[in-house]
Amino acid sequence: MENAIDAEIFLQNLAANICKQFGRNCEVAIHEFQDDALVIKHIENGYITGRHAGDISTNAFLDEFIEKDFIQNPIYHMKTKDGRDILASTTPIKTGEETTGFVCINYDVTELNGVVRALDWTQDNKRVTDAVDVNEILEYHLAACEKLIGKKPDDMDKADKFRAVEYLESKHVFLITKSSIKVCEFLNLTKYALYAFLDEIRNRG
């Protein structure tokens, strides 16, 4: 029993840490076979697929388990009922030769796909520009951020800077390489303070 409890605690901690690392768009579900049903034993960020601990997995998932080889093909795409794009992976949990459950990681890439499409459109549309300069995008949002707050960065207090980071996160600025360095310089924030803000923003759900 101790080994089973230790394994359960390990899987729950693993799920929590994966979501902490990859943020609010990442869901991790621990499934367990109970009699003939596949039950969600534990889930982090379940709002992504609208599921909760104790829910029974759909027949579609069990059909996929039968049809797919999750060992050889663990990563696949799927769509939620409301049309969001999910990059998913399924890893079987085995006790000896028996499959007793699954660890499923679902990452909502809808926002990322939207950014990619926007950048692709900008790059292809010669009326706008001949090439995408992500630094210009960053500078634009930093200026917009300052206008939104209504203060120069030197005059912003902690609450103002939090609002600024919240705005930049909503515009996906932190997908731009090394943007965090420029944001820290612009707002006169330490990396620790910036990551603390982002962690609070992304974990609000």
N, C-alpha and C. Protein backbone atom coordinates (compact mmCIF):
# COMPACT_ATOMS: atom_id res chain seq x y z
N MET A 1 0.82 -1.20 0.00
CA MET A 1 0.00 0.00 0.00
C MET A 1 0.86 1.26 0.00
N GLU A 2 1.96 1.22 0.78
CA GLU A 2 2.84 2.39 0.81
C GLU A 2 3.37 2.71 -0.58
N ASN A 3 3.76 1.70 -1.34
CA ASN A 3 4.28 1.93 -2.68
C ASN A 3 3.21 2.57 -3.57
N ALA A 4 1.97 2.11 -3.44
CA ALA A 4 0.87 2.66 -4.23
C ALA A 4 0.63 4.12 -3.87
N ILE A 5 0.67 4.42 -2.56
CA ILE A 5 0.48 5.79 -2.12
C ILE A 5 1.61 6.68 -2.60
N ASP A 6 2.85 6.18 -2.49
CA ASP A 6 4.00 6.94 -2.95
C ASP A 6 3.90 7.24 -4.44
N ALA A 7 3.48 6.24 -5.22
CA ALA A 7 3.34 6.43 -6.67
C ALA A 7 2.27 7.46 -6.97
N GLU A 8 1.16 7.43 -6.23
CA GLU A 8 0.08 8.39 -6.45
C GLU A 8 0.54 9.81 -6.14
N ILE A 9 1.25 9.98 -5.04
CA ILE A 9 1.76 11.30 -4.67
C ILE A 9 2.77 11.79 -5.70
N PHE A 10 3.63 10.88 -6.18
CA PHE A 10 4.60 11.24 -7.20
C PHE A 10 3.90 11.75 -8.46
N LEU A 11 2.88 11.04 -8.92
CA LEU A 11 2.18 11.43 -10.14
C LEU A 11 1.46 12.76 -9.98
N GLN A 12 0.89 13.00 -8.80
CA GLN A 12 0.23 14.28 -8.56
C GLN A 12 1.23 15.42 -8.55
N ASN A 13 2.39 15.21 -7.93
CA ASN A 13 3.43 16.24 -7.91
C ASN A 13 3.98 16.48 -9.31
N LEU A 14 4.14 15.40 -10.07
CA LEU A 14 4.61 15.53 -11.45
C LEU A 14 3.63 16.37 -12.27
N ALA A 15 2.34 16.07 -12.15
CA ALA A 15 1.32 16.83 -12.89
C ALA A 15 1.36 18.30 -12.52
N ALA A 16 1.47 18.58 -11.23
CA ALA A 16 1.51 19.98 -10.77
C ALA A 16 2.74 20.71 -11.29
N ASN A 17 3.88 20.04 -11.26
CA ASN A 17 5.12 20.69 -11.70
C ASN A 17 5.14 20.93 -13.21
N ILE A 18 4.59 19.99 -13.98
CA ILE A 18 4.51 20.19 -15.43
C ILE A 18 3.68 21.44 -15.74
N CYS A 19 2.56 21.59 -15.05
CA CYS A 19 1.70 22.74 -15.30
C CYS A 19 2.34 24.04 -14.81
N LYS A 20 3.09 23.98 -13.72
CA LYS A 20 3.80 25.18 -13.26
C LYS A 20 4.84 25.60 -14.29
N GLN A 21 5.50 24.63 -14.89
CA GLN A 21 6.54 24.95 -15.86
C GLN A 21 5.96 25.51 -17.15
N PHE A 22 4.86 24.90 -17.63
CA PHE A 22 4.34 25.28 -18.94
C PHE A 22 3.14 26.22 -18.88
N GLY A 23 2.65 26.52 -17.68
CA GLY A 23 1.68 27.59 -17.54
C GLY A 23 0.22 27.19 -17.70
N ARG A 24 -0.60 28.23 -17.81
CA ARG A 24 -2.05 28.07 -17.75
C ARG A 24 -2.63 27.31 -18.93
N ASN A 25 -1.89 27.19 -20.04
CA ASN A 25 -2.41 26.49 -21.21
C ASN A 25 -2.13 24.99 -21.18
N CYS A 26 -1.53 24.52 -20.11
CA CYS A 26 -1.16 23.11 -20.02
C CYS A 26 -2.05 22.40 -19.00
N GLU A 27 -2.61 21.28 -19.42
CA GLU A 27 -3.42 20.44 -18.55
C GLU A 27 -2.75 19.07 -18.43
N VAL A 28 -2.73 18.53 -17.23
CA VAL A 28 -2.22 17.17 -17.02
C VAL A 28 -3.27 16.38 -16.26
N ALA A 29 -3.64 15.23 -16.82
CA ALA A 29 -4.65 14.37 -16.20
C ALA A 29 -4.06 12.99 -15.93
N ILE A 30 -4.27 12.51 -14.74
CA ILE A 30 -3.85 11.16 -14.36
C ILE A 30 -5.09 10.26 -14.41
N HIS A 31 -5.10 9.30 -15.32
CA HIS A 31 -6.22 8.37 -15.47
C HIS A 31 -5.89 7.04 -14.80
N GLU A 32 -6.92 6.40 -14.26
CA GLU A 32 -6.73 5.11 -13.62
C GLU A 32 -7.90 4.19 -13.98
N PHE A 33 -7.59 2.96 -14.34
CA PHE A 33 -8.64 1.99 -14.59
C PHE A 33 -9.25 1.56 -13.27
N GLN A 34 -10.58 1.67 -13.18
CA GLN A 34 -11.33 1.20 -12.00
C GLN A 34 -12.44 0.31 -12.52
N ASP A 35 -12.32 -0.99 -12.28
CA ASP A 35 -13.23 -1.98 -12.87
C ASP A 35 -13.14 -1.85 -14.39
N ASP A 36 -14.25 -1.56 -15.05
CA ASP A 36 -14.25 -1.44 -16.51
C ASP A 36 -14.19 0.01 -16.97
N ALA A 37 -14.07 0.95 -16.04
CA ALA A 37 -14.09 2.36 -16.39
C ALA A 37 -12.70 2.97 -16.26
N LEU A 38 -12.44 4.00 -17.06
CA LEU A 38 -11.19 4.76 -16.97
C LEU A 38 -11.54 6.09 -16.32
N VAL A 39 -11.07 6.30 -15.10
CA VAL A 39 -11.48 7.43 -14.27
C VAL A 39 -10.32 8.42 -14.16
N ILE A 40 -10.64 9.71 -14.16
CA ILE A 40 -9.63 10.73 -13.92
C ILE A 40 -9.38 10.78 -12.42
N LYS A 41 -8.21 10.31 -12.04
CA LYS A 41 -7.85 10.26 -10.62
C LYS A 41 -7.39 11.62 -10.12
N HIS A 42 -6.69 12.37 -10.97
CA HIS A 42 -6.18 13.69 -10.58
C HIS A 42 -6.02 14.52 -11.85
N ILE A 43 -6.31 15.83 -11.76
CA ILE A 43 -6.16 16.68 -12.94
C ILE A 43 -5.72 18.07 -12.51
N GLU A 44 -4.82 18.66 -13.30
CA GLU A 44 -4.37 20.04 -13.12
C GLU A 44 -4.85 20.86 -14.31
N ASN A 45 -5.33 22.08 -14.04
CA ASN A 45 -5.82 22.99 -15.10
C ASN A 45 -6.91 22.32 -15.93
N GLY A 46 -7.84 21.68 -15.25
CA GLY A 46 -8.89 20.94 -15.94
C GLY A 46 -9.83 21.80 -16.75
N TYR A 47 -9.76 23.14 -16.55
CA TYR A 47 -10.63 24.03 -17.33
C TYR A 47 -10.33 23.95 -18.82
N ILE A 48 -9.14 23.47 -19.20
CA ILE A 48 -8.79 23.40 -20.61
C ILE A 48 -9.73 22.47 -21.37
N THR A 49 -10.05 21.33 -20.79
CA THR A 49 -10.99 20.41 -21.43
C THR A 49 -12.30 20.31 -20.67
N GLY A 50 -12.44 21.09 -19.58
CA GLY A 50 -13.69 21.10 -18.82
C GLY A 50 -13.93 19.85 -18.01
N ARG A 51 -12.86 19.18 -17.59
CA ARG A 51 -13.02 17.94 -16.83
C ARG A 51 -12.57 18.11 -15.39
N HIS A 52 -12.97 17.16 -14.56
CA HIS A 52 -12.66 17.21 -13.13
C HIS A 52 -12.24 15.82 -12.65
N ALA A 53 -11.57 15.80 -11.51
CA ALA A 53 -11.23 14.53 -10.89
C ALA A 53 -12.52 13.76 -10.60
N GLY A 54 -12.52 12.47 -10.90
CA GLY A 54 -13.70 11.65 -10.72
C GLY A 54 -14.50 11.43 -11.99
N ASP A 55 -14.26 12.28 -13.00
CA ASP A 55 -14.95 12.09 -14.28
C ASP A 55 -14.48 10.81 -14.95
N ILE A 56 -15.37 10.19 -15.69
CA ILE A 56 -15.04 8.99 -16.45
C ILE A 56 -14.66 9.41 -17.86
N SER A 57 -13.54 8.89 -18.37
CA SER A 57 -13.08 9.26 -19.70
C SER A 57 -14.05 8.74 -20.75
N THR A 58 -14.06 9.44 -21.88
CA THR A 58 -15.02 9.12 -22.93
C THR A 58 -14.65 7.82 -23.63
N ASN A 59 -15.65 7.24 -24.28
CA ASN A 59 -15.40 6.05 -25.10
C ASN A 59 -14.43 6.35 -26.22
N ALA A 60 -14.44 7.62 -26.70
CA ALA A 60 -13.53 7.99 -27.78
C ALA A 60 -12.08 7.81 -27.35
N PHE A 61 -11.78 8.16 -26.09
CA PHE A 61 -10.42 7.97 -25.60
C PHE A 61 -10.06 6.49 -25.56
N LEU A 62 -10.99 5.67 -25.07
CA LEU A 62 -10.72 4.23 -25.00
C LEU A 62 -10.58 3.63 -26.40
N ASP A 63 -11.35 4.16 -27.36
CA ASP A 63 -11.20 3.71 -28.75
C ASP A 63 -9.81 4.05 -29.27
N GLU A 64 -9.35 5.26 -28.92
CA GLU A 64 -8.01 5.67 -29.34
C GLU A 64 -6.95 4.76 -28.72
N PHE A 65 -7.18 4.40 -27.45
CA PHE A 65 -6.24 3.52 -26.78
C PHE A 65 -6.10 2.19 -27.50
N ILE A 66 -7.23 1.68 -27.99
CA ILE A 66 -7.21 0.41 -28.70
C ILE A 66 -6.57 0.56 -30.08
N GLU A 67 -6.89 1.68 -30.78
CA GLU A 67 -6.45 1.85 -32.17
C GLU A 67 -5.02 2.37 -32.28
N LYS A 68 -4.60 3.16 -31.32
CA LYS A 68 -3.27 3.79 -31.42
C LYS A 68 -2.26 3.04 -30.56
N ASP A 69 -1.02 3.12 -31.00
CA ASP A 69 0.08 2.61 -30.20
C ASP A 69 0.71 3.80 -29.48
N PHE A 70 0.29 4.04 -28.22
CA PHE A 70 0.77 5.21 -27.51
C PHE A 70 2.25 5.13 -27.17
N ILE A 71 2.83 3.95 -27.24
CA ILE A 71 4.26 3.83 -27.00
C ILE A 71 5.03 4.41 -28.19
N GLN A 72 4.62 4.02 -29.41
CA GLN A 72 5.29 4.49 -30.61
C GLN A 72 4.80 5.86 -31.06
N ASN A 73 3.54 6.19 -30.77
CA ASN A 73 2.94 7.44 -31.24
C ASN A 73 2.26 8.17 -30.08
N PRO A 74 3.05 8.68 -29.13
CA PRO A 74 2.44 9.25 -27.93
C PRO A 74 1.87 10.65 -28.11
N ILE A 75 2.26 11.36 -29.20
CA ILE A 75 1.88 12.76 -29.36
C ILE A 75 0.94 12.90 -30.55
N TYR A 76 -0.14 13.63 -30.36
CA TYR A 76 -1.13 13.78 -31.42
C TYR A 76 -1.89 15.09 -31.20
N HIS A 77 -2.65 15.50 -32.25
CA HIS A 77 -3.47 16.70 -32.18
C HIS A 77 -4.93 16.32 -31.96
N MET A 78 -5.65 17.19 -31.28
CA MET A 78 -7.09 17.01 -31.16
C MET A 78 -7.74 18.38 -30.98
N LYS A 79 -9.05 18.44 -31.10
CA LYS A 79 -9.79 19.68 -30.93
C LYS A 79 -10.81 19.51 -29.80
N THR A 80 -11.00 20.58 -29.02
CA THR A 80 -12.03 20.56 -28.00
C THR A 80 -13.38 20.85 -28.65
N LYS A 81 -14.45 20.68 -27.90
CA LYS A 81 -15.79 20.92 -28.44
C LYS A 81 -15.97 22.37 -28.88
N ASP A 82 -15.25 23.30 -28.23
CA ASP A 82 -15.38 24.70 -28.62
C ASP A 82 -14.34 25.12 -29.66
N GLY A 83 -13.67 24.13 -30.27
CA GLY A 83 -12.82 24.40 -31.43
C GLY A 83 -11.39 24.78 -31.14
N ARG A 84 -10.92 24.63 -29.90
CA ARG A 84 -9.53 24.97 -29.60
C ARG A 84 -8.60 23.82 -29.99
N ASP A 85 -7.40 24.18 -30.41
CA ASP A 85 -6.41 23.20 -30.86
C ASP A 85 -5.58 22.72 -29.67
N ILE A 86 -5.50 21.41 -29.52
CA ILE A 86 -4.78 20.82 -28.40
C ILE A 86 -3.68 19.89 -28.93
N LEU A 87 -2.47 20.09 -28.45
CA LEU A 87 -1.38 19.16 -28.69
C LEU A 87 -1.33 18.23 -27.48
N ALA A 88 -1.54 16.95 -27.72
CA ALA A 88 -1.71 16.01 -26.61
C ALA A 88 -0.67 14.89 -26.65
N SER A 89 -0.41 14.36 -25.47
CA SER A 89 0.43 13.16 -25.38
C SER A 89 -0.16 12.24 -24.33
N THR A 90 -0.01 10.95 -24.56
CA THR A 90 -0.51 9.95 -23.62
C THR A 90 0.58 8.93 -23.31
N THR A 91 0.87 8.78 -22.03
CA THR A 91 1.88 7.83 -21.59
C THR A 91 1.23 6.79 -20.69
N PRO A 92 1.24 5.53 -21.06
CA PRO A 92 0.63 4.49 -20.22
C PRO A 92 1.37 4.32 -18.89
N ILE A 93 0.62 4.04 -17.85
CA ILE A 93 1.18 3.66 -16.55
C ILE A 93 1.05 2.15 -16.46
N LYS A 94 2.16 1.48 -16.24
CA LYS A 94 2.14 0.01 -16.24
C LYS A 94 2.56 -0.55 -14.89
N THR A 95 1.90 -1.61 -14.51
CA THR A 95 2.31 -2.42 -13.37
C THR A 95 2.64 -3.80 -13.93
N GLY A 96 3.93 -4.05 -14.08
CA GLY A 96 4.33 -5.26 -14.79
C GLY A 96 3.93 -5.13 -16.25
N GLU A 97 3.19 -6.08 -16.76
CA GLU A 97 2.73 -6.03 -18.15
C GLU A 97 1.36 -5.37 -18.28
N GLU A 98 0.73 -5.09 -17.15
CA GLU A 98 -0.64 -4.58 -17.17
C GLU A 98 -0.65 -3.05 -17.22
N THR A 99 -1.46 -2.48 -18.12
CA THR A 99 -1.68 -1.04 -18.16
C THR A 99 -2.74 -0.68 -17.13
N THR A 100 -2.37 0.14 -16.15
CA THR A 100 -3.29 0.47 -15.06
C THR A 100 -3.82 1.90 -15.16
N GLY A 101 -3.26 2.67 -16.09
CA GLY A 101 -3.73 4.05 -16.24
C GLY A 101 -2.89 4.79 -17.26
N PHE A 102 -3.08 6.11 -17.29
CA PHE A 102 -2.35 6.95 -18.24
C PHE A 102 -2.03 8.30 -17.61
N VAL A 103 -0.92 8.88 -18.07
CA VAL A 103 -0.63 10.29 -17.82
C VAL A 103 -0.87 11.02 -19.14
N CYS A 104 -1.82 11.93 -19.15
CA CYS A 104 -2.17 12.66 -20.38
C CYS A 104 -1.82 14.13 -20.21
N ILE A 105 -1.03 14.66 -21.13
CA ILE A 105 -0.67 16.07 -21.14
C ILE A 105 -1.34 16.72 -22.34
N ASN A 106 -2.16 17.73 -22.07
CA ASN A 106 -2.86 18.45 -23.13
C ASN A 106 -2.43 19.91 -23.11
N TYR A 107 -1.87 20.38 -24.23
CA TYR A 107 -1.39 21.77 -24.29
C TYR A 107 -2.22 22.52 -25.32
N ASP A 108 -2.88 23.59 -24.86
CA ASP A 108 -3.73 24.40 -25.74
C ASP A 108 -2.82 25.32 -26.57
N VAL A 109 -2.71 25.01 -27.86
CA VAL A 109 -1.83 25.78 -28.76
C VAL A 109 -2.62 26.76 -29.60
N THR A 110 -3.89 27.00 -29.27
CA THR A 110 -4.72 27.90 -30.05
C THR A 110 -4.11 29.29 -30.14
N GLU A 111 -3.66 29.83 -28.99
CA GLU A 111 -3.07 31.17 -28.98
C GLU A 111 -1.78 31.20 -29.79
N LEU A 112 -0.96 30.17 -29.63
CA LEU A 112 0.30 30.11 -30.38
C LEU A 112 0.03 30.05 -31.87
N ASN A 113 -0.96 29.25 -32.27
CA ASN A 113 -1.30 29.16 -33.68
C ASN A 113 -1.78 30.50 -34.21
N GLY A 114 -2.52 31.23 -33.35
CA GLY A 114 -2.99 32.55 -33.76
C GLY A 114 -1.84 33.51 -33.99
N VAL A 115 -0.83 33.47 -33.11
CA VAL A 115 0.34 34.33 -33.28
C VAL A 115 1.08 33.97 -34.56
N VAL A 116 1.27 32.66 -34.78
CA VAL A 116 1.97 32.21 -35.99
C VAL A 116 1.23 32.66 -37.24
N ARG A 117 -0.11 32.50 -37.24
CA ARG A 117 -0.88 32.91 -38.42
C ARG A 117 -0.77 34.41 -38.64
N ALA A 118 -0.78 35.19 -37.53
CA ALA A 118 -0.67 36.64 -37.67
C ALA A 118 0.68 37.04 -38.24
N LEU A 119 1.73 36.40 -37.74
CA LEU A 119 3.07 36.70 -38.24
C LEU A 119 3.22 36.27 -39.70
N ASP A 120 2.66 35.10 -40.03
CA ASP A 120 2.73 34.64 -41.42
C ASP A 120 1.98 35.59 -42.34
N TRP A 121 0.83 36.06 -41.91
CA TRP A 121 0.04 36.97 -42.74
C TRP A 121 0.81 38.27 -42.95
N THR A 122 1.42 38.78 -41.85
CA THR A 122 2.16 40.02 -41.96
C THR A 122 3.34 39.88 -42.90
N GLN A 123 4.01 38.73 -42.82
CA GLN A 123 5.18 38.51 -43.66
C GLN A 123 4.78 38.39 -45.13
N ASP A 124 3.62 37.79 -45.40
CA ASP A 124 3.19 37.58 -46.78
C ASP A 124 2.51 38.80 -47.37
N ASN A 125 1.97 39.67 -46.53
CA ASN A 125 1.20 40.81 -47.01
C ASN A 125 2.13 41.99 -47.28
N LYS A 126 2.45 42.27 -48.54
CA LYS A 126 3.42 43.29 -48.89
C LYS A 126 2.90 44.70 -48.62
N ARG A 127 1.59 44.83 -48.42
CA ARG A 127 1.06 46.15 -48.11
C ARG A 127 1.47 46.59 -46.72
N VAL A 128 1.81 45.62 -45.87
CA VAL A 128 2.18 45.94 -44.50
C VAL A 128 3.69 46.06 -44.36
N THR A 129 4.39 45.02 -44.75
CA THR A 129 5.85 45.03 -44.61
C THR A 129 6.44 43.90 -45.43
N ASP A 130 7.70 44.01 -45.76
CA ASP A 130 8.38 42.97 -46.52
C ASP A 130 8.91 41.88 -45.62
N ALA A 131 9.00 42.15 -44.34
CA ALA A 131 9.51 41.14 -43.41
C ALA A 131 9.01 41.48 -42.02
N VAL A 132 8.89 40.47 -41.19
CA VAL A 132 8.44 40.67 -39.81
C VAL A 132 9.64 41.02 -38.94
N ASP A 133 9.54 42.12 -38.22
CA ASP A 133 10.57 42.49 -37.26
C ASP A 133 9.94 42.36 -35.88
N VAL A 134 10.24 41.27 -35.19
CA VAL A 134 9.60 41.03 -33.90
C VAL A 134 9.99 42.09 -32.88
N ASN A 135 11.15 42.72 -33.08
CA ASN A 135 11.55 43.78 -32.17
C ASN A 135 10.62 44.98 -32.30
N GLU A 136 10.15 45.23 -33.52
CA GLU A 136 9.18 46.31 -33.72
C GLU A 136 7.86 45.98 -33.03
N ILE A 137 7.48 44.70 -33.10
CA ILE A 137 6.26 44.27 -32.40
C ILE A 137 6.40 44.51 -30.91
N LEU A 138 7.55 44.14 -30.37
CA LEU A 138 7.81 44.33 -28.94
C LEU A 138 7.78 45.81 -28.58
N GLU A 139 8.45 46.64 -29.36
CA GLU A 139 8.49 48.07 -29.09
C GLU A 139 7.09 48.68 -29.14
N TYR A 140 6.30 48.20 -30.10
CA TYR A 140 4.93 48.70 -30.24
C TYR A 140 4.14 48.41 -28.95
N HIS A 141 4.24 47.18 -28.44
CA HIS A 141 3.46 46.81 -27.26
C HIS A 141 4.00 47.48 -26.00
N LEU A 142 5.29 47.74 -25.94
CA LEU A 142 5.83 48.47 -24.79
C LEU A 142 5.28 49.89 -24.77
N ALA A 143 5.21 50.53 -25.95
CA ALA A 143 4.65 51.87 -26.03
C ALA A 143 3.17 51.87 -25.69
N ALA A 144 2.45 50.85 -26.20
CA ALA A 144 1.02 50.73 -25.92
C ALA A 144 0.78 50.50 -24.43
N CYS A 145 1.67 49.73 -23.83
CA CYS A 145 1.59 49.44 -22.40
C CYS A 145 1.74 50.73 -21.59
N GLU A 146 2.71 51.54 -21.94
CA GLU A 146 2.93 52.82 -21.25
C GLU A 146 1.71 53.73 -21.40
N LYS A 147 1.13 53.74 -22.60
CA LYS A 147 -0.06 54.56 -22.84
C LYS A 147 -1.24 54.06 -22.01
N LEU A 148 -1.38 52.73 -21.91
CA LEU A 148 -2.46 52.14 -21.13
C LEU A 148 -2.37 52.54 -19.66
N ILE A 149 -1.18 52.44 -19.08
CA ILE A 149 -0.99 52.76 -17.67
C ILE A 149 -1.08 54.27 -17.44
N GLY A 150 -0.64 55.03 -18.44
CA GLY A 150 -0.70 56.49 -18.33
C GLY A 150 0.45 57.09 -17.54
N LYS A 151 1.52 56.31 -17.40
CA LYS A 151 2.69 56.79 -16.66
C LYS A 151 3.95 56.30 -17.35
N LYS A 152 5.03 57.04 -17.16
CA LYS A 152 6.34 56.55 -17.57
C LYS A 152 6.76 55.43 -16.62
N PRO A 153 7.56 54.49 -17.11
CA PRO A 153 7.97 53.38 -16.23
C PRO A 153 8.57 53.83 -14.90
N ASP A 154 9.34 54.93 -14.91
CA ASP A 154 9.98 55.41 -13.68
C ASP A 154 8.95 55.88 -12.65
N ASP A 155 7.74 56.22 -13.14
CA ASP A 155 6.71 56.72 -12.23
C ASP A 155 5.71 55.62 -11.82
N MET A 156 5.89 54.42 -12.35
CA MET A 156 4.96 53.33 -12.05
C MET A 156 5.28 52.71 -10.70
N ASP A 157 4.22 52.42 -9.93
CA ASP A 157 4.42 51.65 -8.71
C ASP A 157 4.26 50.16 -9.01
N LYS A 158 4.32 49.33 -7.98
CA LYS A 158 4.27 47.88 -8.18
C LYS A 158 2.98 47.45 -8.87
N ALA A 159 1.84 48.04 -8.45
CA ALA A 159 0.56 47.68 -9.05
C ALA A 159 0.52 48.06 -10.53
N ASP A 160 1.10 49.22 -10.85
CA ASP A 160 1.15 49.65 -12.25
C ASP A 160 1.97 48.67 -13.09
N LYS A 161 3.10 48.26 -12.54
CA LYS A 161 3.97 47.35 -13.28
C LYS A 161 3.32 45.98 -13.45
N PHE A 162 2.56 45.57 -12.45
CA PHE A 162 1.82 44.31 -12.58
C PHE A 162 0.82 44.41 -13.72
N ARG A 163 0.09 45.52 -13.79
CA ARG A 163 -0.86 45.72 -14.88
C ARG A 163 -0.15 45.74 -16.23
N ALA A 164 1.04 46.33 -16.26
CA ALA A 164 1.80 46.38 -17.50
C ALA A 164 2.19 44.97 -17.95
N VAL A 165 2.67 44.16 -17.02
CA VAL A 165 3.05 42.78 -17.36
C VAL A 165 1.82 41.98 -17.77
N GLU A 166 0.71 42.24 -17.10
CA GLU A 166 -0.54 41.55 -17.43
C GLU A 166 -0.95 41.87 -18.87
N TYR A 167 -0.82 43.14 -19.25
CA TYR A 167 -1.14 43.53 -20.64
C TYR A 167 -0.19 42.85 -21.62
N LEU A 168 1.10 42.86 -21.34
CA LEU A 168 2.09 42.27 -22.25
C LEU A 168 1.87 40.77 -22.40
N GLU A 169 1.49 40.11 -21.29
CA GLU A 169 1.21 38.68 -21.35
C GLU A 169 -0.02 38.42 -22.23
N SER A 170 -1.02 39.28 -22.15
CA SER A 170 -2.24 39.10 -22.95
C SER A 170 -1.96 39.26 -24.44
N LYS A 171 -0.89 39.97 -24.77
CA LYS A 171 -0.51 40.18 -26.17
C LYS A 171 0.56 39.20 -26.62
N HIS A 172 0.86 38.21 -25.78
CA HIS A 172 1.80 37.14 -26.11
C HIS A 172 3.23 37.65 -26.36
N VAL A 173 3.56 38.75 -25.72
CA VAL A 173 4.87 39.36 -25.92
C VAL A 173 6.00 38.42 -25.49
N PHE A 174 5.73 37.60 -24.48
CA PHE A 174 6.80 36.77 -23.92
C PHE A 174 7.11 35.54 -24.78
N LEU A 175 6.39 35.41 -25.91
CA LEU A 175 6.77 34.40 -26.90
C LEU A 175 7.95 34.86 -27.74
N ILE A 176 8.23 36.17 -27.70
CA ILE A 176 9.33 36.73 -28.48
C ILE A 176 10.65 36.45 -27.75
N THR A 177 11.62 35.96 -28.48
CA THR A 177 12.91 35.61 -27.89
C THR A 177 13.53 36.79 -27.16
N LYS A 178 13.97 36.56 -25.93
CA LYS A 178 14.65 37.54 -25.08
C LYS A 178 13.78 38.74 -24.73
N SER A 179 12.46 38.61 -24.93
CA SER A 179 11.58 39.74 -24.60
C SER A 179 11.60 40.04 -23.10
N SER A 180 11.77 38.99 -22.28
CA SER A 180 11.76 39.21 -20.84
C SER A 180 12.88 40.16 -20.40
N ILE A 181 14.03 40.07 -21.08
CA ILE A 181 15.15 40.97 -20.75
C ILE A 181 14.76 42.41 -21.03
N LYS A 182 14.16 42.65 -22.19
CA LYS A 182 13.79 44.01 -22.57
C LYS A 182 12.66 44.55 -21.69
N VAL A 183 11.74 43.65 -21.32
CA VAL A 183 10.64 44.09 -20.45
C VAL A 183 11.18 44.47 -19.08
N CYS A 184 12.11 43.68 -18.57
CA CYS A 184 12.72 44.00 -17.27
C CYS A 184 13.43 45.36 -17.32
N GLU A 185 14.15 45.59 -18.40
CA GLU A 185 14.84 46.88 -18.55
C GLU A 185 13.85 48.03 -18.66
N PHE A 186 12.79 47.80 -19.44
CA PHE A 186 11.79 48.85 -19.67
C PHE A 186 11.06 49.23 -18.38
N LEU A 187 10.67 48.22 -17.59
CA LEU A 187 9.89 48.45 -16.38
C LEU A 187 10.76 48.55 -15.12
N ASN A 188 12.07 48.39 -15.30
CA ASN A 188 12.99 48.40 -14.16
C ASN A 188 12.58 47.35 -13.13
N LEU A 189 12.42 46.11 -13.64
CA LEU A 189 12.07 44.98 -12.81
C LEU A 189 13.21 43.98 -12.78
N THR A 190 13.35 43.27 -11.68
CA THR A 190 14.27 42.14 -11.67
C THR A 190 13.60 40.96 -12.37
N LYS A 191 14.39 40.01 -12.82
CA LYS A 191 13.82 38.81 -13.42
C LYS A 191 12.93 38.09 -12.42
N TYR A 192 13.35 38.08 -11.18
CA TYR A 192 12.56 37.41 -10.14
C TYR A 192 11.17 38.04 -10.03
N ALA A 193 11.14 39.39 -10.02
CA ALA A 193 9.86 40.09 -9.90
C ALA A 193 8.98 39.82 -11.12
N LEU A 194 9.59 39.84 -12.31
CA LEU A 194 8.83 39.57 -13.54
C LEU A 194 8.23 38.17 -13.51
N TYR A 195 9.04 37.18 -13.16
CA TYR A 195 8.55 35.80 -13.14
C TYR A 195 7.49 35.60 -12.06
N ALA A 196 7.61 36.33 -10.96
CA ALA A 196 6.60 36.25 -9.91
C ALA A 196 5.27 36.81 -10.42
N PHE A 197 5.33 37.94 -11.14
CA PHE A 197 4.12 38.51 -11.75
C PHE A 197 3.50 37.52 -12.73
N LEU A 198 4.33 36.96 -13.62
CA LEU A 198 3.83 36.04 -14.64
C LEU A 198 3.24 34.78 -14.01
N ASP A 199 3.88 34.31 -12.96
CA ASP A 199 3.38 33.09 -12.30
C ASP A 199 1.99 33.37 -11.71
N GLU A 200 1.82 34.54 -11.09
CA GLU A 200 0.51 34.89 -10.51
C GLU A 200 -0.54 35.03 -11.62
N ILE A 201 -0.16 35.69 -12.71
CA ILE A 201 -1.10 35.94 -13.82
C ILE A 201 -1.52 34.61 -14.46
N ARG A 202 -0.54 33.75 -14.72
CA ARG A 202 -0.82 32.51 -15.44
C ARG A 202 -1.54 31.47 -14.58
N ASN A 203 -1.43 31.59 -13.29
CA ASN A 203 -2.05 30.60 -12.41
C ASN A 203 -3.43 31.03 -11.91
N ARG A 204 -3.91 32.19 -12.39
CA ARG A 204 -5.23 32.63 -11.97
C ARG A 204 -6.32 31.83 -12.67
N GLY A 205 -5.95 31.18 -13.84
CA GLY A 205 -6.88 30.30 -14.52
C GLY A 205 -7.90 31.01 -15.34
